[in-house]
Each structure stands twice: as C-alpha cells, then as structure tokens.
Amino acid sequence: MARGILVTGGATGIGLAVARHFAENGDTVVITGRRQAPLEAAAEKIGARAVVCDHTDPEAVARLLPRLPERLDVLVNNAGGNTDFDAARADDTNTGLGPLAAFAQRFRANLDANLVSAALTTKAVEDRLAEGGAVVSIGSIAADKGAGAYGAAKAGLASWNLGLAQELGERDITANVVAPGYIAETEFFRDHLTPERRDHLIASTALGRPGLPEDIAGAVAFLASSAARDITAQVLNVNGGERGTR
C-alpha cells in the first residue's frame, strides 16, 4: 500500500533525494519549499506534488494542511539551513538595526529555520500521523562541533526530538534525527565554501570522500521502514566518520 509522505524543503539537495527515494518506491509524496519554480520542477521530475510553504510561518503551515493527505505515514523535517550564509549577503549598514539587535535577528533566524520549523510542522500534522509511522528530522554534525546559532539550533532539534519520541511513542510512531556531515551537491554553503575548506572537510572523514544526498536519503528511508520499528529518540550520524561515537 502506498504511504503518504511529506518532505519539507524537498526541491533540492537532501530533500529532493529523500523525496525521490519514496516516490520511486510508489509512495504518495508531497514536497514543500519557499521557491515555487524549483519546487514545481522537482515535483514534475520525480512524480511528487508540490506545495509552496514557509515552515517558519504558522499561517503558511496552516494553509498547507488542506493540501496534504489525510493520512501521513512519514514526515521528513528537512527544511532549514544555515541562514547566516544568506545574511552575509546583506549589508548590515542598511538594516537600521544596532549591532545587538542585528545579532539577535540573525540568531533567531537560525532557530526559526532549523528548530521552530520542524516543531511547528510536526505539531500541525500530528493528528494525521499514522500509527506505525515515522518522523525523521534532518540535523547536522554542527550540533556536536559548535557552529554558532546554526549549531545551537541543530542541537536543540536533537533535544526536542527526545520529547517528541516520548509523545508519539504512545501511538507507535517513531521520531529520530539524521545528522549529516559534509554533503556535496547541495545548496547548503551557497558560494561560501572554498576549495581549501572542502578539501579539509573531506580529509577529516574516515572514508576520504564527501557524502552525497543519496547517503542521507538511504538513512531516512531506513528509519522510516519496518526494519527500524524499535529505533526511536536517536540521532543517526551520517558523516563518513568525521565525528565518531562509541
């Protein structure tokens, strides 16, 4: 039976790879994003349905609900990213903000994009999540390495997931986080990743190669499968061994 899947931020990179995996397996997939053109192009390419949505905006999330399946078997909270990369393009002298106000605005932007968006979306669809379903949120290696507001937001995501797993567990719904390391072929770094930095990130792994969106899609697919029904409240690191656990 086809499952109902929602992948936020599904137009490019990791989100697109995740959505493609589910669509190729015959599931009914809805992808969301803020940019209509790439979202619709991605949906047509993989056979999904596209809905424009800013997941940091409660009103936008509320408008999304009537366009979703009544039953959701899998929610993938992928929307987010390091908003500092976008803010770096702006000229702070034109914001009209003092230095502390500008700092607070940038810090909150990361929290909204990476933590609030996931919590808000999950809350909105919680009544539609099917028994035996799964919520998978995309975290980051930055949560354990320190990366300013972005790292703090991803660390908060992992902590929030612990409580979510307890809440949803009563309905046999799992909740986990997949934490990628450096993943090539995404828009994450915008144009801020130098060749030297990229080489350093790859050299820091045990495997000596960059991760790919498909690597993360595989991890998400596993956590959403019947093989992972006893796995919940966990962070699954997918980083090529850049940061290990015992």
Protein backbone atom coordinates (compact mmCIF):
# COMPACT_ATOMS: atom_id res chain seq x y z
CA MET A 1 0.00 0.00 0.00
CA ALA A 2 1.32 3.43 -0.94
CA ARG A 3 2.31 5.54 2.04
CA GLY A 4 1.66 9.26 2.45
CA ILE A 5 4.95 11.18 2.72
CA LEU A 6 5.66 14.85 3.43
CA VAL A 7 9.19 16.11 2.79
CA THR A 8 9.77 19.74 3.71
CA GLY A 9 12.43 21.59 1.76
CA GLY A 10 12.12 18.99 -0.96
CA ALA A 11 13.11 20.97 -4.05
CA THR A 12 16.87 20.45 -3.98
CA GLY A 13 19.73 18.60 -2.35
CA ILE A 14 18.96 16.24 0.52
CA GLY A 15 15.23 16.89 0.46
CA LEU A 16 14.97 16.11 -3.23
CA ALA A 17 16.97 12.88 -2.82
CA VAL A 18 14.73 11.79 0.04
CA ALA A 19 11.55 12.60 -1.87
CA ARG A 20 12.83 10.83 -4.98
CA HIS A 21 13.53 7.67 -2.98
CA PHE A 22 9.98 7.49 -1.63
CA ALA A 23 8.40 8.39 -4.97
CA GLU A 24 10.39 5.70 -6.78
CA ASN A 25 9.08 3.19 -4.26
CA GLY A 26 5.49 4.00 -5.12
CA ASP A 27 4.64 6.28 -2.19
CA THR A 28 2.46 9.39 -2.47
CA VAL A 29 4.89 12.25 -1.89
CA VAL A 30 4.28 15.93 -1.18
CA ILE A 31 7.28 18.26 -1.23
CA THR A 32 7.32 21.80 0.05
CA GLY A 33 9.62 24.79 -0.23
CA ARG A 34 9.61 28.56 -0.45
CA ARG A 35 10.65 28.90 -4.11
CA GLN A 36 7.88 27.95 -6.50
CA ALA A 37 9.86 27.42 -9.71
CA PRO A 38 12.46 24.90 -8.45
CA LEU A 39 9.83 23.22 -6.30
CA GLU A 40 7.49 22.58 -9.20
CA ALA A 41 10.37 21.47 -11.43
CA ALA A 42 11.48 18.95 -8.81
CA ALA A 43 7.96 17.65 -8.29
CA GLU A 44 7.49 17.07 -12.01
CA LYS A 45 10.84 15.31 -12.27
CA ILE A 46 10.19 12.77 -9.50
CA GLY A 47 6.42 12.41 -9.65
CA ALA A 48 5.55 14.27 -6.44
CA ARG A 49 3.09 17.04 -5.59
CA ALA A 50 4.48 20.50 -4.84
CA VAL A 51 3.09 22.98 -2.32
CA VAL A 52 4.80 26.30 -1.63
CA CYS A 53 5.22 26.79 2.12
CA ASP A 54 7.46 28.70 4.52
CA HIS A 55 7.61 26.36 7.50
CA THR A 56 8.66 29.12 9.90
CA ASP A 57 5.30 30.85 9.37
CA PRO A 58 2.35 29.42 11.35
CA GLU A 59 -0.18 30.86 8.92
CA ALA A 60 1.61 29.32 5.94
CA VAL A 61 1.72 25.94 7.67
CA ALA A 62 -1.99 26.21 8.44
CA ARG A 63 -2.69 26.91 4.75
CA LEU A 64 -0.67 23.82 3.86
CA LEU A 65 -2.86 21.41 5.80
CA PRO A 66 -5.83 21.21 3.37
CA ARG A 67 -3.40 20.27 0.60
CA LEU A 68 -1.92 17.30 2.42
CA PRO A 69 -3.16 13.70 2.53
CA GLU A 70 -5.50 12.92 5.41
CA ARG A 71 -3.03 10.20 6.47
CA LEU A 72 0.71 10.81 6.73
CA ASP A 73 2.91 7.77 7.27
CA VAL A 74 6.20 9.64 7.16
CA LEU A 75 7.12 13.25 7.92
CA VAL A 76 10.63 14.37 6.97
CA ASN A 77 11.55 17.71 8.53
CA ASN A 78 14.27 18.74 6.11
CA ALA A 79 13.59 22.46 5.59
CA GLY A 80 16.29 24.67 7.06
CA GLY A 81 19.92 25.57 6.53
CA ASN A 82 22.47 27.99 7.90
CA THR A 83 20.73 31.33 7.48
CA ASP A 84 23.99 33.14 8.26
CA PHE A 85 25.07 32.40 4.69
CA ASP A 86 22.11 34.35 3.39
CA ALA A 87 22.52 37.13 5.94
CA ALA A 88 26.15 37.55 4.90
CA ARG A 89 24.91 38.80 1.55
CA ALA A 90 23.02 41.67 3.17
CA ASP A 91 24.58 44.99 4.02
CA ASP A 92 24.15 45.44 7.78
CA THR A 93 24.55 49.17 7.42
CA ASN A 94 21.21 49.27 5.60
CA THR A 95 19.21 47.25 8.13
CA GLY A 96 18.65 50.13 10.52
CA LEU A 97 19.48 47.81 13.43
CA GLY A 98 22.07 48.21 16.13
CA PRO A 99 24.74 45.52 16.47
CA LEU A 100 22.95 43.63 19.25
CA ALA A 101 19.59 43.78 17.51
CA ALA A 102 21.18 42.56 14.28
CA PHE A 103 22.87 39.70 16.17
CA ALA A 104 19.57 38.70 17.80
CA GLN A 105 17.79 38.80 14.46
CA ARG A 106 20.37 36.54 12.83
CA PHE A 107 20.42 34.13 15.77
CA ARG A 108 16.63 33.83 15.81
CA ALA A 109 16.58 33.29 12.05
CA ASN A 110 18.61 30.09 12.50
CA LEU A 111 16.37 28.91 15.33
CA ASP A 112 13.27 29.56 13.25
CA ALA A 113 14.63 27.89 10.12
CA ASN A 114 16.02 24.76 11.77
CA LEU A 115 14.15 24.17 15.02
CA VAL A 116 10.89 26.08 15.10
CA SER A 117 10.05 24.99 11.54
CA ALA A 118 10.32 21.30 12.45
CA ALA A 119 8.39 21.66 15.69
CA LEU A 120 5.68 23.77 14.08
CA THR A 121 5.19 21.41 11.15
CA THR A 122 5.11 18.32 13.35
CA LYS A 123 2.57 19.93 15.66
CA ALA A 124 0.40 20.89 12.70
CA VAL A 125 0.24 17.37 11.25
CA GLU A 126 0.39 15.31 14.45
CA ASP A 127 -3.26 14.24 14.17
CA ARG A 128 -2.60 12.92 10.66
CA LEU A 129 0.44 10.85 11.56
CA ALA A 130 -0.50 7.21 11.16
CA GLU A 131 0.09 4.52 13.76
CA GLY A 132 3.31 2.77 12.88
CA GLY A 133 4.58 5.89 11.12
CA ALA A 134 7.79 7.86 11.46
CA VAL A 135 9.05 11.39 11.89
CA VAL A 136 12.61 11.94 10.70
CA SER A 137 14.26 15.33 11.17
CA ILE A 138 17.47 16.39 9.47
CA GLY A 139 20.05 17.56 11.99
CA SER A 140 23.74 18.27 11.50
CA ILE A 141 27.22 17.38 12.67
CA ALA A 142 27.35 21.06 13.64
CA ALA A 143 25.23 20.24 16.71
CA ASP A 144 28.26 18.49 18.23
CA LYS A 145 31.03 20.65 16.80
CA GLY A 146 29.79 24.13 17.51
CA ALA A 147 28.70 26.40 14.69
CA GLY A 148 27.12 29.45 16.27
CA ALA A 149 23.38 29.81 16.04
CA TYR A 150 23.11 27.12 13.37
CA GLY A 151 24.82 24.52 15.56
CA ALA A 152 22.74 25.58 18.54
CA ALA A 153 19.55 25.18 16.52
CA LYS A 154 20.51 21.68 15.38
CA ALA A 155 21.47 20.71 18.94
CA GLY A 156 18.07 21.98 20.03
CA LEU A 157 16.46 19.88 17.33
CA ALA A 158 18.05 16.73 18.74
CA SER A 159 16.90 17.63 22.25
CA TRP A 160 13.37 18.43 21.08
CA ASN A 161 13.26 15.06 19.31
CA LEU A 162 13.73 13.25 22.63
CA GLY A 163 10.46 14.64 23.96
CA LEU A 164 8.72 14.12 20.64
CA ALA A 165 9.66 10.43 20.66
CA GLN A 166 8.03 10.03 24.06
CA GLU A 167 4.86 11.79 22.92
CA LEU A 168 4.49 9.89 19.66
CA GLY A 169 5.63 6.57 21.04
CA GLU A 170 2.24 6.04 22.64
CA ARG A 171 0.87 5.78 19.09
CA ASP A 172 3.70 3.55 17.86
CA ILE A 173 5.23 6.42 15.87
CA THR A 174 9.00 6.74 15.89
CA ALA A 175 10.93 10.01 15.95
CA ASN A 176 14.59 10.23 15.03
CA VAL A 177 17.21 12.64 13.72
CA VAL A 178 19.66 12.04 10.87
CA ALA A 179 22.75 14.20 11.32
CA PRO A 180 24.78 14.66 8.12
CA GLY A 181 28.39 15.71 7.90
CA TYR A 182 29.65 17.44 4.76
CA ILE A 183 27.28 16.64 1.90
CA ALA A 184 28.26 17.64 -1.62
CA GLU A 185 25.86 18.57 -4.43
CA THR A 186 23.61 20.75 -2.27
CA GLU A 187 22.96 24.48 -1.96
CA PHE A 188 23.87 24.49 1.73
CA PHE A 189 27.07 26.55 1.57
CA ARG A 190 25.83 28.90 -1.16
CA ASP A 191 29.09 30.31 -2.56
CA HIS A 192 30.93 30.41 0.78
CA LEU A 193 32.74 27.05 0.58
CA THR A 194 36.30 27.49 -0.64
CA PRO A 195 38.16 24.63 -2.35
CA GLU A 196 40.54 24.55 0.63
CA ARG A 197 37.68 24.20 3.11
CA ARG A 198 36.05 21.50 1.00
CA ASP A 199 39.30 19.53 0.85
CA HIS A 200 39.66 19.85 4.64
CA LEU A 201 36.13 18.56 5.24
CA ILE A 202 36.73 15.55 3.03
CA ALA A 203 40.14 14.84 4.57
CA SER A 204 38.53 14.87 8.03
CA THR A 205 36.42 11.82 7.20
CA ALA A 206 37.48 8.21 7.67
CA LEU A 207 36.20 7.30 4.21
CA GLY A 208 38.00 10.08 2.39
CA ARG A 209 35.01 11.13 0.30
CA PRO A 210 32.21 13.66 0.54
CA GLY A 211 28.76 12.49 1.49
CA LEU A 212 26.02 12.69 -1.10
CA PRO A 213 22.31 13.48 -0.77
CA GLU A 214 21.57 9.84 -1.57
CA ASP A 215 23.53 8.78 1.53
CA ILE A 216 21.14 10.76 3.70
CA ALA A 217 18.13 9.54 1.74
CA GLY A 218 19.17 5.97 2.50
CA ALA A 219 19.38 6.68 6.22
CA VAL A 220 15.99 8.39 6.23
CA ALA A 221 14.44 5.54 4.27
CA PHE A 222 15.77 3.02 6.78
CA LEU A 223 14.39 4.92 9.78
CA ALA A 224 11.02 5.13 8.02
CA SER A 225 10.98 1.42 7.20
CA SER A 226 9.61 -1.61 9.01
CA ALA A 227 13.20 -2.64 9.79
CA ALA A 228 13.55 0.33 12.18
CA ARG A 229 10.38 -0.02 14.27
CA ASP A 230 12.32 -0.35 17.53
CA ILE A 231 14.53 2.66 16.86
CA THR A 232 13.31 5.97 18.25
CA ALA A 233 14.65 9.00 20.16
CA GLN A 234 18.01 8.57 18.39
CA VAL A 235 20.44 10.64 16.36
CA LEU A 236 21.88 8.68 13.42
CA ASN A 237 25.18 10.24 12.33
CA VAL A 238 25.95 10.02 8.62
CA ASN A 239 29.27 11.79 8.26
CA GLY A 240 31.78 9.36 6.78
CA GLY A 241 33.46 9.01 10.15
CA GLU A 242 34.30 12.70 10.52
CA ARG A 243 32.93 12.51 14.03
CA GLY A 244 32.57 9.09 15.62
CA THR A 245 30.75 7.62 18.60
CA ARG A 246 31.40 4.56 20.70
